[in-house]
Amino acid sequence: MILHPSWRAVTVVVIVAAALAREPIQISAHGVMPGAAREPRQEPAPEHGTVRVTASKANIRSEASETSKVLAQVSQGLELELLSVEGDWFHVRVPVSGLRVDAYISKKVARISKPSGTPAPPPASAAASGGSSSALPQPRASADRNGMSVVMTVGDASTPLLPRALRVIQIGDKADSLSKIAPLVPATGAGPGPAGNASPVTFVWVADEKAAQRVVADRRPSFLAIFKDVPGLNPEDLAPVLVRLTPAASGVRLIAALRGRADQASRTDPDWDVVHDLKQDIVRTDLQRLDRGNMRLTPTADLPPGEYAIVLRLASKRKVAGSAVLGTEGEGRVFSIAWDFAVKGTGLFSADPAHTGTGPGR
């Protein structure tokens, strides 16, 4: 096609102008037309893909920037639904308190998992389009290899609590209450006694750290406990409980105590009355069953400043074997984990290190 000299001049001007503006152009039989502005390049996520956290602790942020607000901290092994890849960031969907929140996690602390063969749940917006709030998807417990997770809600913000591994210390003193044995509990204790040793001892579950990382000013947060996938246990046999922790002189925090035999860990007979004899400082809550293995807890009164934790306990009054409670599976798995937090007051609870946005969590 031969263009008239005047059209050639117009064409050159338009092409040069478009090049300077870095806009795409299109040449057709009708002349030269500037194209639409390019969208920022965004890699599509694998169908039903997930992102696995690789760092011991990682920050979930509101934007794809290391200076943006930290919404939550997650632990290694947690899997999150992947929406897209944006530069050095994964755009993920985090399940919290019955909603699915879009957020970001750095590639420095996570990697893409293999696509799942199970279709991903519909996003919250799609679920809500039916006009029923009950259709909103619930947080998935599969994110935790132990089949348990806890989400704290303060105001309009929901944050997963980090699970805290507990230790069992064995002492000879009788435990009428945690406050009475707090001065007596050492940082380390004796190991399980030999089989056949019926000497009475007290088993104390402790958290090693002196204070919880998650600190809140709200005196009445609520909690969503998910425990439908605990290996080897029926969720109907479990119930979440809010307890207050007792600081010991040795620097550990006491969660619970239970009187038993020195050889309790080796006993396989279900003769330990754990439900009746367990000593712990329970805080009264309103308990709402949302689904099988899915319950919400709300304190019935404002929480005084101090250290607290959500724990799972046996809901039935059956006796259990010492080898089960002090083991690493089943009941032992449940008793060895707590989700701790602190209510801010003065001194020890005057800061919230979990939300400074600093440290290796990116």
Protein backbone atom coordinates (compact mmCIF):
# COMPACT_ATOMS: atom_id res chain seq x y z
CA MET A 1 0.00 0.00 0.00
CA ILE A 2 1.35 3.46 -0.94
CA LEU A 3 0.57 6.24 1.52
CA HIS A 4 0.09 9.86 0.48
CA PRO A 5 3.09 12.01 1.60
CA SER A 6 0.90 13.83 4.14
CA TRP A 7 -0.16 10.50 5.69
CA ARG A 8 3.49 9.36 5.88
CA ALA A 9 4.33 12.46 7.91
CA VAL A 10 1.42 11.87 10.29
CA THR A 11 2.40 8.23 10.66
CA VAL A 12 6.01 9.08 11.60
CA VAL A 13 4.87 11.66 14.17
CA VAL A 14 2.41 9.25 15.80
CA ILE A 15 4.95 6.40 15.91
CA VAL A 16 7.61 8.63 17.49
CA ALA A 17 5.13 10.03 20.03
CA ALA A 18 3.95 6.57 20.99
CA ALA A 19 7.54 5.34 21.36
CA LEU A 20 8.40 8.24 23.64
CA ALA A 21 5.33 7.49 25.74
CA ARG A 22 6.31 3.78 25.80
CA GLU A 23 2.84 2.79 24.72
CA PRO A 24 2.11 -0.10 22.33
CA ILE A 25 0.88 0.90 18.87
CA GLN A 26 -1.08 -0.85 16.18
CA ILE A 27 -0.84 -0.19 12.45
CA SER A 28 -3.88 -1.15 10.41
CA ALA A 29 -5.56 -0.24 7.17
CA HIS A 30 -7.15 2.63 9.05
CA GLY A 31 -3.82 4.11 10.08
CA VAL A 32 -1.80 4.10 13.30
CA MET A 33 -3.61 3.66 16.63
CA PRO A 34 -2.05 3.81 20.11
CA GLY A 35 -2.77 0.68 22.15
CA ALA A 36 -4.00 0.33 25.69
CA ALA A 37 -1.54 0.85 28.54
CA ARG A 38 0.18 -2.34 29.65
CA GLU A 39 -0.79 -3.84 32.98
CA PRO A 40 2.08 -4.75 35.36
CA ARG A 41 3.31 -8.25 34.54
CA GLN A 42 1.71 -10.81 36.80
CA GLU A 43 2.56 -14.50 36.62
CA PRO A 44 -0.52 -16.72 36.86
CA ALA A 45 -0.65 -19.06 39.82
CA PRO A 46 -0.76 -22.82 39.20
CA GLU A 47 -4.33 -24.12 39.32
CA HIS A 48 -5.24 -24.89 42.94
CA GLY A 49 -1.64 -24.00 43.93
CA THR A 50 -0.33 -23.40 47.41
CA VAL A 51 2.62 -21.65 49.00
CA ARG A 52 4.56 -23.34 51.79
CA VAL A 53 6.35 -21.24 54.45
CA THR A 54 10.05 -22.18 54.58
CA ALA A 55 11.31 -19.85 57.33
CA SER A 56 10.84 -20.57 61.03
CA LYS A 57 8.75 -17.39 61.21
CA ALA A 58 7.38 -15.31 58.35
CA ASN A 59 5.37 -12.12 58.12
CA ILE A 60 2.06 -11.93 56.26
CA ARG A 61 1.78 -8.37 54.90
CA SER A 62 -1.02 -6.21 53.58
CA GLU A 63 0.93 -5.15 50.47
CA ALA A 64 3.84 -6.47 48.40
CA SER A 65 6.37 -4.40 50.32
CA GLU A 66 8.63 -4.98 53.30
CA THR A 67 7.45 -1.65 54.75
CA SER A 68 3.75 -2.51 54.61
CA LYS A 69 1.68 -3.51 57.63
CA VAL A 70 2.24 -6.95 59.14
CA LEU A 71 -1.13 -8.71 59.39
CA ALA A 72 0.15 -11.90 61.01
CA GLN A 73 3.15 -14.10 61.64
CA VAL A 74 3.10 -17.70 60.45
CA SER A 75 5.36 -20.65 61.16
CA GLN A 76 7.35 -23.03 58.99
CA GLY A 77 5.35 -25.63 57.09
CA LEU A 78 2.13 -23.62 56.92
CA GLU A 79 0.47 -23.79 53.49
CA LEU A 80 -1.43 -20.85 52.02
CA GLU A 81 -3.64 -20.62 48.95
CA LEU A 82 -1.73 -19.01 46.08
CA LEU A 83 -3.51 -16.36 43.97
CA SER A 84 -0.63 -15.03 41.84
CA VAL A 85 3.08 -14.26 41.76
CA GLU A 86 3.96 -10.55 41.77
CA GLY A 87 7.67 -9.94 41.41
CA ASP A 88 9.38 -11.00 44.64
CA TRP A 89 6.06 -11.64 46.40
CA PHE A 90 3.37 -14.30 46.53
CA HIS A 91 -0.19 -13.00 46.55
CA VAL A 92 -1.94 -15.45 48.90
CA ARG A 93 -5.28 -15.94 50.56
CA VAL A 94 -5.13 -16.47 54.33
CA PRO A 95 -8.09 -18.12 56.09
CA VAL A 96 -8.97 -16.24 59.28
CA SER A 97 -12.11 -16.27 61.40
CA GLY A 98 -14.45 -17.58 58.74
CA LEU A 99 -13.17 -15.18 56.06
CA ARG A 100 -10.39 -15.48 53.50
CA VAL A 101 -8.11 -12.45 53.54
CA ASP A 102 -5.90 -11.53 50.55
CA ALA A 103 -2.34 -10.74 51.63
CA TYR A 104 1.30 -11.09 50.63
CA ILE A 105 4.32 -13.16 51.67
CA SER A 106 7.89 -12.69 50.43
CA LYS A 107 9.59 -15.26 48.19
CA LYS A 108 12.50 -15.11 50.64
CA VAL A 109 10.48 -17.00 53.26
CA ALA A 110 8.19 -19.20 51.14
CA ARG A 111 8.06 -21.32 48.01
CA ILE A 112 5.37 -22.67 45.69
CA SER A 113 4.13 -26.14 46.58
CA LYS A 114 3.03 -28.63 43.97
CA PRO A 115 -0.50 -28.04 42.70
CA SER A 116 -3.08 -29.93 44.70
CA GLY A 117 -5.39 -32.47 43.14
CA THR A 118 -8.24 -31.16 45.26
CA PRO A 119 -10.19 -28.18 43.87
CA ALA A 120 -9.61 -25.03 45.83
CA PRO A 121 -12.50 -23.70 47.92
CA PRO A 122 -14.39 -20.77 46.36
CA PRO A 123 -13.24 -17.30 47.38
CA ALA A 124 -15.15 -15.45 50.06
CA SER A 125 -16.70 -13.10 47.50
CA ALA A 126 -18.17 -16.02 45.54
CA ALA A 127 -19.46 -17.69 48.66
CA ALA A 128 -21.07 -14.48 49.82
CA SER A 129 -22.85 -13.91 46.51
CA GLY A 130 -25.55 -16.35 47.53
CA GLY A 131 -26.78 -13.86 50.09
CA SER A 132 -26.18 -16.09 53.12
CA SER A 133 -23.40 -15.36 55.60
CA SER A 134 -23.39 -19.02 56.60
CA ALA A 135 -21.92 -19.85 53.18
CA LEU A 136 -18.63 -18.13 54.01
CA PRO A 137 -15.78 -20.68 54.05
CA GLN A 138 -14.14 -21.45 57.37
CA PRO A 139 -10.38 -21.50 58.03
CA ARG A 140 -8.83 -24.83 57.10
CA ALA A 141 -6.99 -26.85 59.74
CA SER A 142 -4.90 -28.58 57.06
CA ALA A 143 -2.45 -25.69 57.29
CA ASP A 144 -1.08 -27.20 60.51
CA ARG A 145 0.59 -30.61 60.37
CA ASN A 146 -0.84 -31.34 63.83
CA GLY A 147 -4.39 -30.83 62.56
CA MET A 148 -4.97 -27.95 64.97
CA SER A 149 -4.97 -24.17 64.66
CA VAL A 150 -6.24 -21.12 66.55
CA VAL A 151 -7.16 -17.67 65.21
CA MET A 152 -7.48 -14.62 67.47
CA THR A 153 -9.90 -11.82 66.57
CA VAL A 154 -9.39 -8.34 68.01
CA GLY A 155 -11.88 -5.81 66.69
CA ASP A 156 -12.06 -6.30 62.92
CA ALA A 157 -8.61 -7.92 62.64
CA SER A 158 -8.04 -11.68 62.79
CA THR A 159 -4.59 -13.23 63.25
CA PRO A 160 -3.48 -16.87 63.48
CA LEU A 161 -1.77 -17.58 66.80
CA LEU A 162 1.54 -19.43 66.69
CA PRO A 163 1.53 -22.87 68.34
CA ARG A 164 3.88 -23.19 71.33
CA ALA A 165 5.56 -26.53 72.03
CA LEU A 166 5.32 -27.51 75.70
CA ARG A 167 7.60 -29.61 77.90
CA VAL A 168 6.71 -31.86 80.82
CA ILE A 169 8.70 -31.45 84.04
CA GLN A 170 8.41 -34.02 86.80
CA ILE A 171 8.63 -32.90 90.44
CA GLY A 172 7.97 -34.65 93.74
CA ASP A 173 5.81 -31.94 95.31
CA LYS A 174 2.04 -32.24 95.34
CA ALA A 175 0.16 -29.70 93.20
CA ASP A 176 -2.92 -28.23 94.86
CA SER A 177 -2.71 -25.28 92.46
CA LEU A 178 -0.26 -23.86 89.94
CA SER A 179 0.45 -20.80 92.09
CA LYS A 180 1.56 -22.98 95.01
CA ILE A 181 4.04 -25.02 93.01
CA ALA A 182 5.33 -22.11 90.88
CA PRO A 183 8.23 -21.38 93.29
CA LEU A 184 9.18 -25.09 93.23
CA VAL A 185 9.25 -25.84 89.50
CA PRO A 186 12.79 -25.85 88.09
CA ALA A 187 13.72 -24.98 84.52
CA THR A 188 14.47 -28.68 84.00
CA GLY A 189 13.10 -31.69 85.85
CA ALA A 190 13.59 -35.39 86.31
CA GLY A 191 12.79 -37.79 83.49
CA PRO A 192 10.17 -40.54 83.61
CA GLY A 193 10.72 -43.12 86.32
CA PRO A 194 11.41 -46.81 85.59
CA ALA A 195 8.52 -49.21 85.04
CA GLY A 196 7.02 -50.36 88.32
CA ASN A 197 7.97 -47.20 90.20
CA ALA A 198 4.71 -46.20 91.85
CA SER A 199 6.15 -43.23 93.75
CA PRO A 200 3.75 -40.26 93.56
CA VAL A 201 5.01 -37.33 91.49
CA THR A 202 3.56 -34.28 89.76
CA PHE A 203 3.81 -33.77 86.00
CA VAL A 204 3.92 -30.09 85.05
CA TRP A 205 3.39 -28.82 81.49
CA VAL A 206 5.48 -25.69 80.91
CA ALA A 207 6.30 -23.18 78.17
CA ASP A 208 9.99 -22.31 78.14
CA GLU A 209 9.73 -18.70 77.01
CA LYS A 210 9.18 -16.08 79.71
CA ALA A 211 6.53 -14.22 77.71
CA ALA A 212 4.24 -14.68 74.72
CA GLN A 213 5.16 -13.02 71.43
CA ARG A 214 1.60 -12.00 70.66
CA VAL A 215 0.53 -9.13 72.91
CA VAL A 216 -2.83 -7.34 72.67
CA ALA A 217 -4.41 -4.38 74.43
CA ASP A 218 -7.98 -5.62 73.89
CA ARG A 219 -9.34 -7.15 77.11
CA ARG A 220 -11.89 -9.39 75.41
CA PRO A 221 -10.57 -10.96 72.19
CA SER A 222 -12.36 -13.93 70.67
CA PHE A 223 -10.83 -17.14 69.33
CA LEU A 224 -11.61 -19.65 66.63
CA ALA A 225 -10.22 -23.12 67.41
CA ILE A 226 -10.01 -25.68 64.61
CA PHE A 227 -9.18 -29.27 65.55
CA LYS A 228 -11.13 -31.55 63.23
CA ASP A 229 -8.03 -33.26 61.78
CA VAL A 230 -6.01 -34.25 64.87
CA PRO A 231 -4.45 -37.63 63.95
CA GLY A 232 -5.85 -40.51 65.98
CA LEU A 233 -8.52 -38.51 67.83
CA ASN A 234 -12.21 -37.84 67.34
CA PRO A 235 -12.89 -34.07 67.46
CA GLU A 236 -16.05 -34.80 69.42
CA ASP A 237 -13.80 -35.95 72.29
CA LEU A 238 -11.99 -32.59 72.47
CA ALA A 239 -12.85 -29.05 73.52
CA PRO A 240 -10.84 -25.78 73.45
CA VAL A 241 -10.19 -24.07 76.78
CA LEU A 242 -8.82 -20.64 77.68
CA VAL A 243 -6.33 -20.84 80.56
CA ARG A 244 -4.19 -18.33 82.41
CA LEU A 245 -0.49 -19.11 82.63
CA THR A 246 1.45 -18.94 85.89
CA PRO A 247 5.05 -17.64 85.79
CA ALA A 248 7.58 -19.70 87.77
CA ALA A 249 10.63 -18.38 89.58
CA SER A 250 12.81 -20.45 87.22
CA GLY A 251 11.62 -18.49 84.18
CA VAL A 252 9.19 -20.99 82.67
CA ARG A 253 5.41 -20.53 82.50
CA LEU A 254 3.12 -23.17 83.96
CA ILE A 255 0.22 -24.42 81.84
CA ALA A 256 -1.13 -27.39 83.83
CA ALA A 257 -0.15 -29.97 86.44
CA LEU A 258 -1.29 -33.52 87.11
CA ARG A 259 -0.51 -35.91 89.96
CA GLY A 260 0.49 -39.44 88.97
CA ARG A 261 3.04 -42.25 89.31
CA ALA A 262 6.72 -41.90 88.47
CA ASP A 263 6.32 -44.62 85.83
CA GLN A 264 3.15 -43.11 84.35
CA ALA A 265 4.72 -42.66 80.91
CA SER A 266 5.18 -46.42 80.55
CA ARG A 267 1.71 -47.42 81.72
CA THR A 268 -0.72 -48.54 79.02
CA ASP A 269 -3.76 -49.18 81.22
CA PRO A 270 -6.41 -46.42 80.88
CA ASP A 271 -6.49 -45.62 84.61
CA TRP A 272 -5.40 -41.96 84.76
CA ASP A 273 -8.27 -39.61 85.65
CA VAL A 274 -6.91 -36.66 83.71
CA VAL A 275 -10.18 -34.74 83.36
CA HIS A 276 -10.90 -34.78 87.10
CA ASP A 277 -7.36 -34.30 88.48
CA LEU A 278 -5.76 -31.85 86.04
CA LYS A 279 -4.83 -28.55 87.70
CA GLN A 280 -5.11 -25.48 85.47
CA ASP A 281 -6.39 -21.91 85.77
CA ILE A 282 -9.41 -21.97 83.47
CA VAL A 283 -10.92 -18.66 82.31
CA ARG A 284 -14.69 -18.72 81.79
CA THR A 285 -15.76 -18.35 78.17
CA ASP A 286 -18.84 -18.58 76.00
CA LEU A 287 -18.28 -21.58 73.72
CA GLN A 288 -20.01 -21.68 70.34
CA ARG A 289 -19.92 -24.78 68.16
CA LEU A 290 -19.66 -23.73 64.51
CA ASP A 291 -19.01 -27.12 62.99
CA ARG A 292 -17.47 -30.48 63.83
CA GLY A 293 -14.06 -29.67 65.31
CA ASN A 294 -14.61 -25.94 64.89
CA MET A 295 -15.49 -23.78 67.92
CA ARG A 296 -15.42 -20.12 68.88
CA LEU A 297 -14.48 -18.93 72.38
CA THR A 298 -15.22 -15.52 73.87
CA PRO A 299 -14.31 -14.55 77.46
CA THR A 300 -17.35 -13.76 79.58
CA ALA A 301 -15.50 -10.85 81.25
CA ASP A 302 -12.55 -8.59 80.50
CA LEU A 303 -9.17 -10.33 80.85
CA PRO A 304 -6.79 -8.77 83.39
CA PRO A 305 -3.24 -8.09 82.15
CA GLY A 306 -1.24 -11.32 82.07
CA GLU A 307 -0.30 -14.41 80.08
CA TYR A 308 -2.94 -16.71 78.57
CA ALA A 309 -3.24 -19.62 76.17
CA ILE A 310 -5.80 -21.60 74.23
CA VAL A 311 -5.38 -25.33 74.84
CA LEU A 312 -7.30 -28.42 73.81
CA ARG A 313 -8.59 -30.73 76.51
CA LEU A 314 -10.50 -34.00 76.72
CA ALA A 315 -14.24 -33.37 76.61
CA SER A 316 -15.32 -36.79 77.87
CA LYS A 317 -14.76 -38.06 81.41
CA ARG A 318 -13.07 -41.27 80.35
CA LYS A 319 -9.77 -42.22 81.94
CA VAL A 320 -6.71 -42.51 79.72
CA ALA A 321 -3.36 -44.26 79.78
CA GLY A 322 -0.27 -42.41 80.97
CA SER A 323 1.61 -43.53 77.86
CA ALA A 324 -1.02 -41.74 75.75
CA VAL A 325 -1.02 -38.43 77.66
CA LEU A 326 2.77 -38.30 77.99
CA GLY A 327 3.47 -39.64 74.50
CA THR A 328 3.84 -37.83 71.18
CA GLU A 329 0.65 -38.95 69.42
CA GLY A 330 -3.06 -38.72 70.13
CA GLU A 331 -3.72 -37.20 73.55
CA GLY A 332 -0.01 -36.52 73.98
CA ARG A 333 0.06 -34.42 70.81
CA VAL A 334 -2.88 -32.35 72.11
CA PHE A 335 -1.36 -31.81 75.56
CA SER A 336 2.03 -30.78 74.15
CA ILE A 337 0.78 -27.67 72.28
CA ALA A 338 -0.62 -24.31 73.43
CA TRP A 339 -1.45 -21.09 71.57
CA ASP A 340 -0.26 -18.37 73.92
CA PHE A 341 -0.77 -14.61 74.03
CA ALA A 342 -0.55 -11.80 76.55
CA VAL A 343 -2.93 -9.01 77.49
CA LYS A 344 -1.05 -5.75 77.72
CA GLY A 345 -0.78 -3.95 81.02
CA THR A 346 2.38 -2.40 82.38
CA GLY A 347 6.01 -3.45 82.44
CA LEU A 348 6.37 -6.85 80.77
CA PHE A 349 3.29 -6.39 78.60
CA SER A 350 3.88 -2.81 77.44
CA ALA A 351 5.07 -3.70 73.94
CA ASP A 352 3.95 -5.87 71.06
CA PRO A 353 7.07 -7.36 69.43
CA ALA A 354 5.02 -9.55 67.11
CA HIS A 355 3.80 -6.52 65.16
CA THR A 356 6.88 -4.38 64.74
CA GLY A 357 7.46 -5.68 61.23
CA THR A 358 11.16 -6.26 61.89
CA GLY A 359 13.33 -9.35 62.07
CA PRO A 360 13.91 -12.29 59.72
CA GLY A 361 10.25 -12.78 58.87
CA ARG A 362 10.36 -10.23 55.99
